[in-house]
Amino acid sequence: MKKLKIFSLIFALVTLFTSCEEEYIIGIGKGHVETKEASEITTTSAKLNGEVIRKGGASDYSIGFLLYLGAEEDFTLETDGVQQIQCDKSEGAFAKTIDNLTENKTYKFRAYITNEAGTSYGDVKTFTTEEESLQTLTGHTAGVTSASYSPDGTKIVSASLDNTIKIWDANTGTCLKTLT
């Protein structure tokens, strides 16, 4: 009877460990990361943010982000067109600023962690790079009839139906002088 109980216990444990969805190497499980919102978004760059929740018991692991422009909502390291961005090992929060992005474009990204038990992914997040904006010069009280840059490009001169000519700083948009 005692042998039957031991056999039943061993059978139950073997069934439990072989029926799990994720593969486990004894003592090592897949890590877990969270994808945080992107920050510091400009026309050509963004800071991707993530957090290591657990390393899965592994001392050898890698973390980073996947950047993707494709149509698929769920993408992995194996998905065509995915850009892998590796980060330095970290416990807790990690981030990476990426450059050379296209203005006014929506990007998908997600954090990942890989160890000897496999790779796991955070949720997919999106961000859109800013659109380059033109500067608006405010000061005339009627329609502008003409505007020109100075030969050195540092000033703008505008003429208006309000019978004024204004000289502007081209970099700041500040009105430097009004001629009537």
C-alpha atoms as a PDB file:
ATOM      1  CA  MET A   1       0.000   0.000   0.000  1.00  0.00           C
ATOM      2  CA  LYS A   2       2.858   2.385   0.853  1.00  0.00           C
ATOM      3  CA  LYS A   3       4.498   1.702  -2.545  1.00  0.00           C
ATOM      4  CA  LEU A   4       1.219   2.529  -4.288  1.00  0.00           C
ATOM      5  CA  LYS A   5       1.004   5.922  -2.507  1.00  0.00           C
ATOM      6  CA  ILE A   6       4.612   6.768  -3.429  1.00  0.00           C
ATOM      7  CA  PHE A   7       3.997   5.723  -7.026  1.00  0.00           C
ATOM      8  CA  SER A   8       0.803   7.831  -7.140  1.00  0.00           C
ATOM      9  CA  LEU A   9       2.670  10.856  -5.754  1.00  0.00           C
ATOM     10  CA  ILE A  10       5.498  10.471  -8.301  1.00  0.00           C
ATOM     11  CA  PHE A  11       2.962  10.048 -11.109  1.00  0.00           C
ATOM     12  CA  ALA A  12       1.090  13.187 -10.011  1.00  0.00           C
ATOM     13  CA  LEU A  13       4.319  15.243  -9.925  1.00  0.00           C
ATOM     14  CA  VAL A  14       5.455  13.996 -13.337  1.00  0.00           C
ATOM     15  CA  THR A  15       2.009  14.767 -14.788  1.00  0.00           C
ATOM     16  CA  LEU A  16       2.031  18.233 -13.237  1.00  0.00           C
ATOM     17  CA  PHE A  17       5.470  19.177 -14.613  1.00  0.00           C
ATOM     18  CA  THR A  18       4.922  17.713 -18.076  1.00  0.00           C
ATOM     19  CA  SER A  19       1.496  19.285 -18.565  1.00  0.00           C
ATOM     20  CA  CYS A  20       2.550  22.891 -17.932  1.00  0.00           C
ATOM     21  CA  GLU A  21       2.336  25.241 -20.922  1.00  0.00           C
ATOM     22  CA  GLU A  22       5.809  26.700 -20.425  1.00  0.00           C
ATOM     23  CA  GLU A  23       8.974  24.668 -20.484  1.00  0.00           C
ATOM     24  CA  TYR A  24      11.086  24.749 -17.342  1.00  0.00           C
ATOM     25  CA  ILE A  25      14.688  23.900 -16.800  1.00  0.00           C
ATOM     26  CA  ILE A  26      14.939  22.766 -13.193  1.00  0.00           C
ATOM     27  CA  GLY A  27      15.215  25.910 -11.081  1.00  0.00           C
ATOM     28  CA  ILE A  28      14.940  28.221 -14.108  1.00  0.00           C
ATOM     29  CA  GLY A  29      11.701  29.596 -15.547  1.00  0.00           C
ATOM     30  CA  LYS A  30      11.023  32.195 -18.170  1.00  0.00           C
ATOM     31  CA  GLY A  31      11.548  35.748 -17.019  1.00  0.00           C
ATOM     32  CA  HIS A  32       8.818  38.376 -16.985  1.00  0.00           C
ATOM     33  CA  VAL A  33       8.994  41.986 -18.238  1.00  0.00           C
ATOM     34  CA  GLU A  34       6.522  44.844 -18.534  1.00  0.00           C
ATOM     35  CA  THR A  35       6.497  47.333 -21.380  1.00  0.00           C
ATOM     36  CA  LYS A  36       6.030  50.899 -20.139  1.00  0.00           C
ATOM     37  CA  GLU A  37       4.895  53.907 -22.197  1.00  0.00           C
ATOM     38  CA  ALA A  38       7.471  55.588 -24.452  1.00  0.00           C
ATOM     39  CA  SER A  39       8.666  59.022 -23.322  1.00  0.00           C
ATOM     40  CA  GLU A  40      10.755  61.958 -24.551  1.00  0.00           C
ATOM     41  CA  ILE A  41       9.250  61.598 -28.036  1.00  0.00           C
ATOM     42  CA  THR A  42      10.540  64.038 -30.672  1.00  0.00           C
ATOM     43  CA  THR A  43      10.325  64.168 -34.459  1.00  0.00           C
ATOM     44  CA  THR A  44      13.183  61.640 -34.822  1.00  0.00           C
ATOM     45  CA  SER A  45      13.696  59.918 -31.449  1.00  0.00           C
ATOM     46  CA  ALA A  46      11.918  58.300 -28.506  1.00  0.00           C
ATOM     47  CA  LYS A  47      12.846  56.718 -25.189  1.00  0.00           C
ATOM     48  CA  LEU A  48      11.511  53.159 -24.790  1.00  0.00           C
ATOM     49  CA  ASN A  49      10.830  52.069 -21.201  1.00  0.00           C
ATOM     50  CA  GLY A  50      10.443  48.654 -19.611  1.00  0.00           C
ATOM     51  CA  GLU A  51      10.758  46.868 -16.307  1.00  0.00           C
ATOM     52  CA  VAL A  52      12.164  43.475 -15.355  1.00  0.00           C
ATOM     53  CA  ILE A  53       9.617  41.882 -13.028  1.00  0.00           C
ATOM     54  CA  ARG A  54      11.545  38.630 -12.618  1.00  0.00           C
ATOM     55  CA  LYS A  55      14.570  37.057 -14.285  1.00  0.00           C
ATOM     56  CA  GLY A  56      13.184  33.539 -13.910  1.00  0.00           C
ATOM     57  CA  GLY A  57      15.990  32.467 -11.576  1.00  0.00           C
ATOM     58  CA  ALA A  58      18.607  32.848 -14.307  1.00  0.00           C
ATOM     59  CA  SER A  59      21.847  34.758 -13.888  1.00  0.00           C
ATOM     60  CA  ASP A  60      22.474  34.770 -17.644  1.00  0.00           C
ATOM     61  CA  TYR A  61      19.747  36.706 -19.435  1.00  0.00           C
ATOM     62  CA  SER A  62      19.276  39.501 -21.948  1.00  0.00           C
ATOM     63  CA  ILE A  63      16.692  42.273 -22.110  1.00  0.00           C
ATOM     64  CA  GLY A  64      15.661  44.838 -24.648  1.00  0.00           C
ATOM     65  CA  PHE A  65      12.935  46.023 -26.964  1.00  0.00           C
ATOM     66  CA  LEU A  66      11.454  45.033 -30.289  1.00  0.00           C
ATOM     67  CA  LEU A  67      10.524  47.892 -32.637  1.00  0.00           C
ATOM     68  CA  TYR A  68       8.045  47.109 -35.403  1.00  0.00           C
ATOM     69  CA  LEU A  69       6.278  48.943 -38.226  1.00  0.00           C
ATOM     70  CA  GLY A  70       4.322  46.007 -39.655  1.00  0.00           C
ATOM     71  CA  ALA A  71       0.607  45.269 -39.529  1.00  0.00           C
ATOM     72  CA  GLU A  72       0.746  42.321 -37.105  1.00  0.00           C
ATOM     73  CA  GLU A  73      -0.472  43.125 -33.598  1.00  0.00           C
ATOM     74  CA  ASP A  74       1.520  40.335 -31.915  1.00  0.00           C
ATOM     75  CA  PHE A  75       5.169  40.166 -32.967  1.00  0.00           C
ATOM     76  CA  THR A  76       8.230  38.339 -31.656  1.00  0.00           C
ATOM     77  CA  LEU A  77      11.955  38.113 -32.290  1.00  0.00           C
ATOM     78  CA  GLU A  78      11.168  35.785 -35.194  1.00  0.00           C
ATOM     79  CA  THR A  79       8.762  38.188 -36.958  1.00  0.00           C
ATOM     80  CA  ASP A  80      10.067  39.587 -40.257  1.00  0.00           C
ATOM     81  CA  GLY A  81      10.850  43.297 -40.092  1.00  0.00           C
ATOM     82  CA  VAL A  82      11.334  43.458 -36.313  1.00  0.00           C
ATOM     83  CA  GLN A  83      14.254  45.548 -35.093  1.00  0.00           C
ATOM     84  CA  GLN A  84      15.862  44.139 -31.930  1.00  0.00           C
ATOM     85  CA  ILE A  85      17.274  46.747 -29.537  1.00  0.00           C
ATOM     86  CA  GLN A  86      19.372  45.224 -26.764  1.00  0.00           C
ATOM     87  CA  CYS A  87      19.805  46.919 -23.403  1.00  0.00           C
ATOM     88  CA  ASP A  88      22.330  46.503 -20.606  1.00  0.00           C
ATOM     89  CA  LYS A  89      21.307  43.933 -17.990  1.00  0.00           C
ATOM     90  CA  SER A  90      19.205  45.528 -15.312  1.00  0.00           C
ATOM     91  CA  GLU A  91      17.019  44.635 -12.403  1.00  0.00           C
ATOM     92  CA  GLY A  92      13.907  46.766 -12.314  1.00  0.00           C
ATOM     93  CA  ALA A  93      13.454  49.649 -14.756  1.00  0.00           C
ATOM     94  CA  PHE A  94      15.416  49.820 -18.014  1.00  0.00           C
ATOM     95  CA  ALA A  95      15.255  52.193 -20.975  1.00  0.00           C
ATOM     96  CA  LYS A  96      16.819  52.896 -24.350  1.00  0.00           C
ATOM     97  CA  THR A  97      16.654  56.040 -26.481  1.00  0.00           C
ATOM     98  CA  ILE A  98      16.386  55.285 -30.179  1.00  0.00           C
ATOM     99  CA  ASP A  99      17.242  57.770 -32.912  1.00  0.00           C
ATOM    100  CA  ASN A 100      16.843  58.101 -36.685  1.00  0.00           C
ATOM    101  CA  LEU A 101      13.076  57.627 -36.586  1.00  0.00           C
ATOM    102  CA  THR A 102      10.736  59.060 -39.207  1.00  0.00           C
ATOM    103  CA  GLU A 103       8.707  62.136 -38.289  1.00  0.00           C
ATOM    104  CA  ASN A 104       4.944  61.741 -37.730  1.00  0.00           C
ATOM    105  CA  LYS A 105       5.078  57.914 -37.883  1.00  0.00           C
ATOM    106  CA  THR A 106       3.485  55.380 -35.524  1.00  0.00           C
ATOM    107  CA  TYR A 107       5.767  52.668 -34.130  1.00  0.00           C
ATOM    108  CA  LYS A 108       4.898  49.524 -32.167  1.00  0.00           C
ATOM    109  CA  PHE A 109       7.282  48.228 -29.508  1.00  0.00           C
ATOM    110  CA  ARG A 110       7.487  45.744 -26.657  1.00  0.00           C
ATOM    111  CA  ALA A 111      10.005  44.748 -24.014  1.00  0.00           C
ATOM    112  CA  TYR A 112      11.482  41.249 -23.951  1.00  0.00           C
ATOM    113  CA  ILE A 113      13.620  39.059 -21.690  1.00  0.00           C
ATOM    114  CA  THR A 114      15.476  35.946 -22.808  1.00  0.00           C
ATOM    115  CA  ASN A 115      17.118  33.351 -20.580  1.00  0.00           C
ATOM    116  CA  GLU A 116      17.945  29.670 -20.964  1.00  0.00           C
ATOM    117  CA  ALA A 117      14.252  28.761 -20.462  1.00  0.00           C
ATOM    118  CA  GLY A 118      13.140  30.928 -23.400  1.00  0.00           C
ATOM    119  CA  THR A 119      11.887  34.399 -24.269  1.00  0.00           C
ATOM    120  CA  SER A 120       8.905  36.226 -22.864  1.00  0.00           C
ATOM    121  CA  TYR A 121       7.437  39.542 -23.963  1.00  0.00           C
ATOM    122  CA  GLY A 122       5.683  42.512 -22.426  1.00  0.00           C
ATOM    123  CA  ASP A 123       2.524  44.010 -23.889  1.00  0.00           C
ATOM    124  CA  VAL A 124       2.674  45.832 -27.216  1.00  0.00           C
ATOM    125  CA  LYS A 125       2.656  49.638 -26.912  1.00  0.00           C
ATOM    126  CA  THR A 126       2.654  52.334 -29.590  1.00  0.00           C
ATOM    127  CA  PHE A 127       3.961  55.864 -29.945  1.00  0.00           C
ATOM    128  CA  THR A 128       3.904  58.403 -32.758  1.00  0.00           C
ATOM    129  CA  THR A 129       6.849  60.666 -33.451  1.00  0.00           C
ATOM    130  CA  GLU A 130       6.069  64.356 -33.501  1.00  0.00           C
ATOM    131  CA  GLU A 131       5.394  66.251 -36.678  1.00  0.00           C
ATOM    132  CA  GLU A 132       7.832  69.036 -37.418  1.00  0.00           C
ATOM    133  CA  SER A 133       5.952  72.272 -36.914  1.00  0.00           C
ATOM    134  CA  LEU A 134       6.437  75.573 -38.597  1.00  0.00           C
ATOM    135  CA  GLN A 135       6.761  78.661 -36.474  1.00  0.00           C
ATOM    136  CA  THR A 136       3.851  81.096 -36.493  1.00  0.00           C
ATOM    137  CA  LEU A 137       4.771  84.769 -36.349  1.00  0.00           C
ATOM    138  CA  THR A 138       2.024  86.705 -34.588  1.00  0.00           C
ATOM    139  CA  GLY A 139       1.827  90.495 -34.608  1.00  0.00           C
ATOM    140  CA  HIS A 140       0.244  91.927 -37.734  1.00  0.00           C
ATOM    141  CA  THR A 141      -3.382  93.027 -37.358  1.00  0.00           C
ATOM    142  CA  ALA A 142      -4.276  92.455 -41.030  1.00  0.00           C
ATOM    143  CA  GLY A 143      -3.269  90.030 -43.763  1.00  0.00           C
ATOM    144  CA  VAL A 144       0.410  89.647 -44.677  1.00  0.00           C
ATOM    145  CA  THR A 145       1.179  90.581 -48.285  1.00  0.00           C
ATOM    146  CA  SER A 146       4.815  89.453 -48.423  1.00  0.00           C
ATOM    147  CA  ALA A 147       7.651  87.979 -46.355  1.00  0.00           C
ATOM    148  CA  SER A 148      11.357  87.383 -47.029  1.00  0.00           C
ATOM    149  CA  TYR A 149      14.425  86.062 -45.245  1.00  0.00           C
ATOM    150  CA  SER A 150      17.475  88.277 -44.813  1.00  0.00           C
ATOM    151  CA  PRO A 151      20.518  87.175 -46.876  1.00  0.00           C
ATOM    152  CA  ASP A 152      22.141  85.602 -43.788  1.00  0.00           C
ATOM    153  CA  GLY A 153      18.919  83.761 -42.799  1.00  0.00           C
ATOM    154  CA  THR A 154      18.770  85.246 -39.290  1.00  0.00           C
ATOM    155  CA  LYS A 155      15.839  87.625 -39.846  1.00  0.00           C
ATOM    156  CA  ILE A 156      12.481  87.669 -41.599  1.00  0.00           C
ATOM    157  CA  VAL A 157      10.855  90.834 -42.944  1.00  0.00           C
ATOM    158  CA  SER A 158       7.074  90.897 -43.428  1.00  0.00           C
ATOM    159  CA  ALA A 159       4.729  93.517 -44.906  1.00  0.00           C
ATOM    160  CA  SER A 160       1.044  93.708 -44.068  1.00  0.00           C
ATOM    161  CA  LEU A 161      -2.237  95.359 -45.042  1.00  0.00           C
ATOM    162  CA  ASP A 162      -2.089  96.980 -41.580  1.00  0.00           C
ATOM    163  CA  ASN A 163       0.483  99.373 -43.147  1.00  0.00           C
ATOM    164  CA  THR A 164       3.389  97.991 -41.093  1.00  0.00           C
ATOM    165  CA  ILE A 165       6.616  96.216 -41.861  1.00  0.00           C
ATOM    166  CA  LYS A 166       7.944  93.912 -39.147  1.00  0.00           C
ATOM    167  CA  ILE A 167      11.428  92.503 -38.692  1.00  0.00           C
ATOM    168  CA  TRP A 168      11.508  89.125 -36.905  1.00  0.00           C
ATOM    169  CA  ASP A 169      14.222  86.960 -35.385  1.00  0.00           C
ATOM    170  CA  ALA A 170      14.059  83.836 -37.605  1.00  0.00           C
ATOM    171  CA  ASN A 171      15.130  81.479 -34.786  1.00  0.00           C
ATOM    172  CA  THR A 172      12.847  82.652 -31.973  1.00  0.00           C
ATOM    173  CA  GLY A 173       9.976  84.296 -33.876  1.00  0.00           C
ATOM    174  CA  THR A 174      10.351  87.438 -31.747  1.00  0.00           C
ATOM    175  CA  CYS A 175       9.395  90.734 -33.378  1.00  0.00           C
ATOM    176  CA  LEU A 176      12.564  92.857 -33.320  1.00  0.00           C
ATOM    177  CA  LYS A 177      11.178  96.043 -34.899  1.00  0.00           C
ATOM    178  CA  THR A 178       7.968  97.470 -36.338  1.00  0.00           C
ATOM    179  CA  LEU A 179       8.118 100.124 -39.083  1.00  0.00           C
ATOM    180  CA  THR A 180       5.026 102.212 -39.818  1.00  0.00           C
END
